[in-house]
Amino acid sequence: MRRKVIAGNWKMYKNRDEAISFIYEVSSQVPSKDQVETVICAPAVFLRDLVKREGEDLRIGAQNMYFEDQGAYTGEISADMLTSYGVEYVVLGHSERRGLFFETDELINKKTKQAIKKGITPIVCCGESLETREAGTTEAFVSKQIIAAYEGISKEEALKTIVAYEPIWAIGTGVTATSEQANDTIKMVRQTLASLYDQDAASQIRILYGGSVKPANVEELLAMSDIDGALIGGASLDPQSFITLAKAGLKS
């Protein structure tokens, strides 16, 4: 049984007071970490404040990091900086990073390797545009992203990762892939992982769905055979909404 993961991605929202208030309200109400992995991926400037207040069962993640240990990379954040704060997760390859900041498959692969090396759990994102889905090439496109992201990564290392499938056409639009659409694509992602490693590895790696996940649809999504949790944007910004989402992980 793969333990469910409920991860909130705050993107560029909240100020420090709002972030701390959220953690105080949520940290004592999420399920036990032994039952559900509950994570908030917050802006970098809040990370230390949130880790100090995360409590026993909530964990804090970053939204990005660079692949070098250190150097003249103005504005970037290293894995060592994150681990020095106690950060345990990082979102990599989100479609907004790919689309707005021109991140390539090669760069995401380097970041994934660095996260694994430094003991941070990477949440590796993949997903297609509406044009790609309408053209009927979703499987080829998403499979290519996974193959590139895991290039040069061993089976043992791959088992330390999480994948998040987020169709770009469903992110922030209010349009959610049907549970069947999401599950079918995630099954394909798992098959791609099996082709890279083996069926045993593929059956252990958690694969999340992201894209307009909210309290009204989370239980249906999590009930699907291959969906192991959710990477949640807007609905993770409200404390009570996030608590509901986290607790849904107990029901599936």
Protein backbone atom coordinates (compact mmCIF):
# COMPACT_ATOMS: atom_id res chain seq x y z
CA MET A 1 0.00 0.00 0.00
CA ARG A 2 1.46 3.34 -1.09
CA ARG A 3 1.01 6.00 1.58
CA LYS A 4 -0.91 8.99 0.26
CA VAL A 5 0.79 12.36 -0.18
CA ILE A 6 -1.13 15.63 0.07
CA ALA A 7 1.12 18.52 -0.94
CA GLY A 8 0.10 22.16 -1.11
CA ASN A 9 1.91 24.45 -3.55
CA TRP A 10 1.41 28.04 -2.43
CA LYS A 11 3.15 29.53 -5.47
CA MET A 12 3.66 33.30 -4.98
CA TYR A 13 0.96 33.93 -2.41
CA LYS A 14 0.78 35.00 1.26
CA ASN A 15 2.95 37.29 3.36
CA ARG A 16 4.91 36.16 6.40
CA ASP A 17 2.14 36.78 8.94
CA GLU A 18 -0.41 34.95 6.80
CA ALA A 19 1.95 32.02 6.30
CA ILE A 20 2.69 31.64 10.01
CA SER A 21 -1.00 31.97 10.92
CA PHE A 22 -1.81 29.21 8.44
CA ILE A 23 0.76 26.82 9.90
CA TYR A 24 -0.43 27.42 13.45
CA GLU A 25 -3.99 26.60 12.39
CA VAL A 26 -3.14 23.54 10.31
CA SER A 27 -0.16 21.80 11.88
CA SER A 28 -2.05 20.19 14.76
CA GLN A 29 -5.01 19.09 12.61
CA VAL A 30 -3.42 17.17 9.76
CA PRO A 31 -3.32 13.36 9.93
CA SER A 32 -0.40 11.50 11.45
CA LYS A 33 2.62 11.48 9.15
CA ASP A 34 2.59 7.69 9.46
CA GLN A 35 -0.80 7.67 7.73
CA VAL A 36 -0.59 10.56 5.25
CA GLU A 37 2.42 12.62 4.13
CA THR A 38 1.19 16.20 4.38
CA VAL A 39 3.43 18.88 2.90
CA ILE A 40 3.27 22.64 2.32
CA CYS A 41 5.60 23.89 -0.42
CA ALA A 42 6.04 27.55 0.36
CA PRO A 43 7.98 30.54 -0.98
CA ALA A 44 11.64 30.36 0.04
CA VAL A 45 11.53 33.44 2.26
CA PHE A 46 9.03 31.70 4.58
CA LEU A 47 10.70 28.31 4.87
CA ARG A 48 12.61 28.76 8.12
CA ASP A 49 9.60 30.31 9.87
CA LEU A 50 7.39 27.42 8.78
CA VAL A 51 9.79 24.59 9.56
CA LYS A 52 10.10 25.95 13.12
CA ARG A 53 6.32 25.66 13.49
CA GLU A 54 5.52 22.55 11.43
CA GLY A 55 4.84 20.30 14.41
CA GLU A 56 4.95 16.50 14.41
CA ASP A 57 2.97 15.68 11.29
CA LEU A 58 3.22 18.55 8.79
CA ARG A 59 6.31 18.90 6.61
CA ILE A 60 7.62 21.87 4.66
CA GLY A 61 8.87 21.84 1.08
CA ALA A 62 10.39 24.33 -1.33
CA GLN A 63 9.07 25.27 -4.76
CA ASN A 64 12.41 25.22 -6.57
CA MET A 65 16.18 24.79 -6.13
CA TYR A 66 19.33 24.87 -8.26
CA PHE A 67 21.55 21.90 -9.09
CA GLU A 68 24.93 23.36 -8.11
CA ASP A 69 26.28 23.23 -4.56
CA GLN A 70 27.23 26.91 -4.59
CA GLY A 71 28.52 29.61 -6.91
CA ALA A 72 27.76 32.85 -8.71
CA TYR A 73 24.09 32.11 -9.41
CA THR A 74 22.31 35.28 -8.37
CA GLY A 75 18.85 34.64 -7.00
CA GLU A 76 19.16 30.85 -6.88
CA ILE A 77 18.77 28.56 -3.85
CA SER A 78 20.93 25.51 -3.21
CA ALA A 79 19.93 22.17 -1.74
CA ASP A 80 22.31 22.77 1.17
CA MET A 81 20.50 26.01 1.95
CA LEU A 82 17.22 24.11 2.07
CA THR A 83 18.50 21.26 4.22
CA SER A 84 20.11 23.73 6.63
CA TYR A 85 16.56 25.00 7.27
CA GLY A 86 15.14 21.50 7.69
CA VAL A 87 13.28 21.47 4.38
CA GLU A 88 12.51 17.89 3.27
CA TYR A 89 10.72 18.24 -0.10
CA VAL A 90 11.09 20.29 -3.27
CA VAL A 91 8.82 20.72 -6.30
CA LEU A 92 10.79 20.38 -9.54
CA GLY A 93 9.77 20.86 -13.16
CA HIS A 94 6.40 22.47 -12.49
CA SER A 95 4.77 23.61 -15.74
CA GLU A 96 5.03 27.23 -14.59
CA ARG A 97 8.78 26.84 -14.19
CA ARG A 98 8.98 25.18 -17.60
CA GLY A 99 6.72 27.69 -19.36
CA LEU A 100 7.48 31.00 -17.66
CA PHE A 101 11.14 30.45 -16.80
CA PHE A 102 12.14 28.21 -19.70
CA GLU A 103 13.31 25.25 -17.63
CA THR A 104 14.34 22.32 -19.80
CA ASP A 105 14.10 18.57 -19.28
CA GLU A 106 17.90 18.51 -18.90
CA LEU A 107 17.82 21.13 -16.14
CA ILE A 108 15.05 19.33 -14.29
CA ASN A 109 17.07 16.11 -14.46
CA LYS A 110 20.09 17.84 -12.92
CA LYS A 111 17.95 19.32 -10.16
CA THR A 112 16.34 15.94 -9.44
CA LYS A 113 19.74 14.27 -9.11
CA GLN A 114 20.92 17.01 -6.77
CA ALA A 115 17.85 16.77 -4.56
CA ILE A 116 18.29 13.01 -4.21
CA LYS A 117 22.00 13.43 -3.48
CA LYS A 118 21.25 15.93 -0.73
CA GLY A 119 18.46 13.91 0.90
CA ILE A 120 15.55 16.07 -0.26
CA THR A 121 12.49 14.33 -1.71
CA PRO A 122 11.87 15.72 -5.19
CA ILE A 123 8.28 16.04 -6.42
CA VAL A 124 8.95 15.74 -10.14
CA CYS A 125 6.22 17.32 -12.26
CA CYS A 126 5.02 16.36 -15.70
CA GLY A 127 2.00 17.27 -17.79
CA GLU A 128 0.69 18.24 -21.20
CA SER A 129 -0.96 21.28 -22.75
CA LEU A 130 -4.51 21.28 -24.08
CA GLU A 131 -3.12 21.29 -27.62
CA THR A 132 -1.10 18.15 -26.90
CA ARG A 133 -4.11 16.35 -25.44
CA GLU A 134 -6.36 17.35 -28.32
CA ALA A 135 -3.71 16.12 -30.77
CA GLY A 136 -3.81 12.72 -29.08
CA THR A 137 -0.12 12.78 -28.14
CA THR A 138 -0.41 13.03 -24.35
CA GLU A 139 1.19 9.64 -23.69
CA ALA A 140 4.22 10.28 -25.90
CA PHE A 141 4.72 13.79 -24.50
CA VAL A 142 4.42 12.92 -20.81
CA SER A 143 6.44 9.72 -21.20
CA LYS A 144 9.25 11.75 -22.79
CA GLN A 145 9.23 14.12 -19.80
CA ILE A 146 9.53 11.21 -17.36
CA ILE A 147 12.30 9.49 -19.32
CA ALA A 148 14.28 12.75 -19.43
CA ALA A 149 13.72 13.53 -15.75
CA TYR A 150 15.01 10.11 -14.66
CA GLU A 151 17.99 9.91 -17.03
CA GLY A 152 20.99 8.54 -15.11
CA ILE A 153 19.00 7.93 -11.92
CA SER A 154 19.26 4.44 -10.42
CA LYS A 155 16.35 2.35 -9.21
CA GLU A 156 17.35 2.92 -5.59
CA GLU A 157 17.42 6.68 -6.20
CA ALA A 158 14.14 6.67 -8.12
CA LEU A 159 12.41 5.09 -5.12
CA LYS A 160 13.22 8.27 -3.19
CA THR A 161 11.19 10.44 -5.56
CA ILE A 162 7.56 11.40 -6.02
CA VAL A 163 5.97 12.19 -9.38
CA ALA A 164 3.18 14.72 -9.90
CA TYR A 165 1.10 14.58 -13.08
CA GLU A 166 -0.45 17.98 -13.72
CA PRO A 167 -2.18 18.58 -17.06
CA ILE A 168 -1.42 22.22 -17.85
CA TRP A 169 -4.96 22.78 -19.09
CA ALA A 170 -6.31 21.99 -15.61
CA ILE A 171 -3.95 24.14 -13.51
CA GLY A 172 -5.73 27.13 -12.03
CA THR A 173 -8.52 26.93 -14.59
CA GLY A 174 -11.20 25.30 -12.47
CA VAL A 175 -11.29 22.51 -15.06
CA THR A 176 -10.23 19.16 -13.64
CA ALA A 177 -9.33 16.09 -15.62
CA THR A 178 -11.94 13.45 -14.94
CA SER A 179 -10.81 10.90 -12.40
CA GLU A 180 -10.61 8.35 -15.22
CA GLN A 181 -8.49 10.66 -17.43
CA ALA A 182 -6.13 11.38 -14.55
CA ASN A 183 -5.86 7.73 -13.57
CA ASP A 184 -5.27 6.55 -17.13
CA THR A 185 -2.40 9.00 -17.65
CA ILE A 186 -0.91 8.18 -14.27
CA LYS A 187 -1.06 4.47 -15.17
CA MET A 188 0.92 5.34 -18.27
CA VAL A 189 3.48 7.23 -16.16
CA ARG A 190 3.81 4.14 -13.98
CA GLN A 191 4.30 1.98 -17.07
CA THR A 192 7.04 4.35 -18.23
CA LEU A 193 8.76 4.03 -14.85
CA ALA A 194 8.46 0.24 -15.14
CA SER A 195 10.18 0.38 -18.52
CA LEU A 196 13.01 2.42 -16.99
CA TYR A 197 13.40 0.22 -13.90
CA ASP A 198 11.02 -2.66 -13.26
CA GLN A 199 7.45 -3.29 -12.19
CA ASP A 200 8.44 -3.51 -8.53
CA ALA A 201 9.95 -0.03 -8.56
CA ALA A 202 7.05 1.41 -10.52
CA SER A 203 4.58 -0.02 -8.02
CA GLN A 204 6.36 1.72 -5.14
CA ILE A 205 6.85 5.23 -6.55
CA ARG A 206 4.01 7.54 -5.53
CA ILE A 207 2.35 9.47 -8.36
CA LEU A 208 0.16 12.47 -7.51
CA TYR A 209 -2.48 14.27 -9.52
CA GLY A 210 -2.56 18.06 -9.68
CA GLY A 211 -4.90 20.45 -11.46
CA SER A 212 -7.85 22.19 -9.79
CA VAL A 213 -7.98 19.65 -6.95
CA LYS A 214 -10.36 20.82 -4.23
CA PRO A 215 -12.39 19.38 -1.34
CA ALA A 216 -15.31 18.66 -3.66
CA ASN A 217 -13.37 16.30 -5.94
CA VAL A 218 -10.39 15.05 -3.94
CA GLU A 219 -12.01 11.88 -2.58
CA GLU A 220 -13.09 10.72 -6.04
CA LEU A 221 -9.58 11.31 -7.39
CA LEU A 222 -7.86 9.56 -4.48
CA ALA A 223 -10.17 6.54 -4.84
CA MET A 224 -8.64 5.73 -8.23
CA SER A 225 -6.24 2.79 -8.44
CA ASP A 226 -3.05 4.63 -9.38
CA ILE A 227 -3.50 8.11 -7.88
CA ASP A 228 -1.42 8.31 -4.71
CA GLY A 229 -2.22 11.83 -3.61
CA ALA A 230 -2.47 15.37 -4.86
CA LEU A 231 -0.35 18.43 -5.56
CA ILE A 232 -2.72 21.29 -4.83
CA GLY A 233 -2.51 24.96 -5.73
CA GLY A 234 -5.30 27.39 -4.90
CA ALA A 235 -7.23 25.09 -2.57
CA SER A 236 -4.14 24.74 -0.36
CA LEU A 237 -4.15 28.44 0.53
CA ASP A 238 -7.13 28.23 2.88
CA PRO A 239 -6.42 26.43 6.18
CA GLN A 240 -9.73 24.62 6.53
CA SER A 241 -9.71 23.61 2.87
CA PHE A 242 -6.23 22.18 3.24
CA ILE A 243 -7.15 20.27 6.40
CA THR A 244 -10.09 18.71 4.54
CA LEU A 245 -7.80 17.76 1.66
CA ALA A 246 -5.23 16.23 3.99
CA LYS A 247 -7.83 14.18 5.84
CA ALA A 248 -9.15 12.85 2.54
CA GLY A 249 -5.90 10.92 2.34
CA LEU A 250 -7.13 8.77 5.22
CA LYS A 251 -10.25 7.63 3.35
CA SER A 252 -8.64 6.13 0.29
